[in-house]
Amino acid sequence: MDEQIPPDSLSGAESKLLVQQGYDKIAQTYLKWTSEKPTARLQYLEKLLRVAGDTSEFNVLELGCGAGIPGTQFLAERCSQVSANDISESQINLAKRNVPGENVRFIRDDMTSLKIEASSLQLVVAFYSIIHLPRDEQRTMMAQIWSWLSPGGYLVCNLGVGDDAGSARGWLDSTKMYWSSYDADTNLRSLRGAGFAIVESEILLDDEDGRPVPFLWILARKDVKS
């Protein structure tokens, strides 16, 4: 059963601790679970390649790399430098084993605490990760990503589509996990407000053990005119 959390009852630090401890506990289970079901991750990375063209010189940041499969692997094979970030040490340790490339740097940290040089990235990827931030921090994160990207740089991500001020429930292995989200239109307005041009977006359903769960998938660009 979902447990709805009033917005002011759980601090940002407490919600992130739930996420960190949860993924530390279920890292192997989560990898097996995600590997056995369809995902739009590679579909959207392929869309990026069609739009961006040659990515061989791209400096990339992945927020929420998990065990490195399939996202970090895909990026490491096609981009010059990849910084793979996750809040979970167990996830980072798995990713290091799964993606041993010399062009990958792993960062175990809260994504909101990262120090990245302005306009230094050509691509930021965030699959199933921004949704674990409190809602007010999701908007702040969008603006932060925009500042990290060089003009014309890209963001590929997915976000929630429900009006959820913050909720936690037992998930894989009954581990408590935290999510929050705005509705799809609000998310798109927030990205445009941060300075992004939406190249493509759509709502796709994930099959979570027979339960359809919608996510907003987005390919966006830092407009040169922004």
Foldseek 3Di string as FASTA:
>chain_A
DWDADPLPPADQVRLVVLAQVLCLVCLVVVVVQVVVFDDCQVVVVVVVCVVVPQAAAFAEEEEACFLVPPPVVVCLVRHQAYEYEDQYPNRQVNNCVVDVDPRYHYYHDDPVPDDAQFQQGQEYEYEPGLQSGQPVVSLVVLLVVLRNHHAFGKYWYKFAADQGRKIWFQDVVGRIHMGGHYHPVVVVVSNVVSQKDWPDWDWDWTQDPNDTGIMITTMITRHNVD
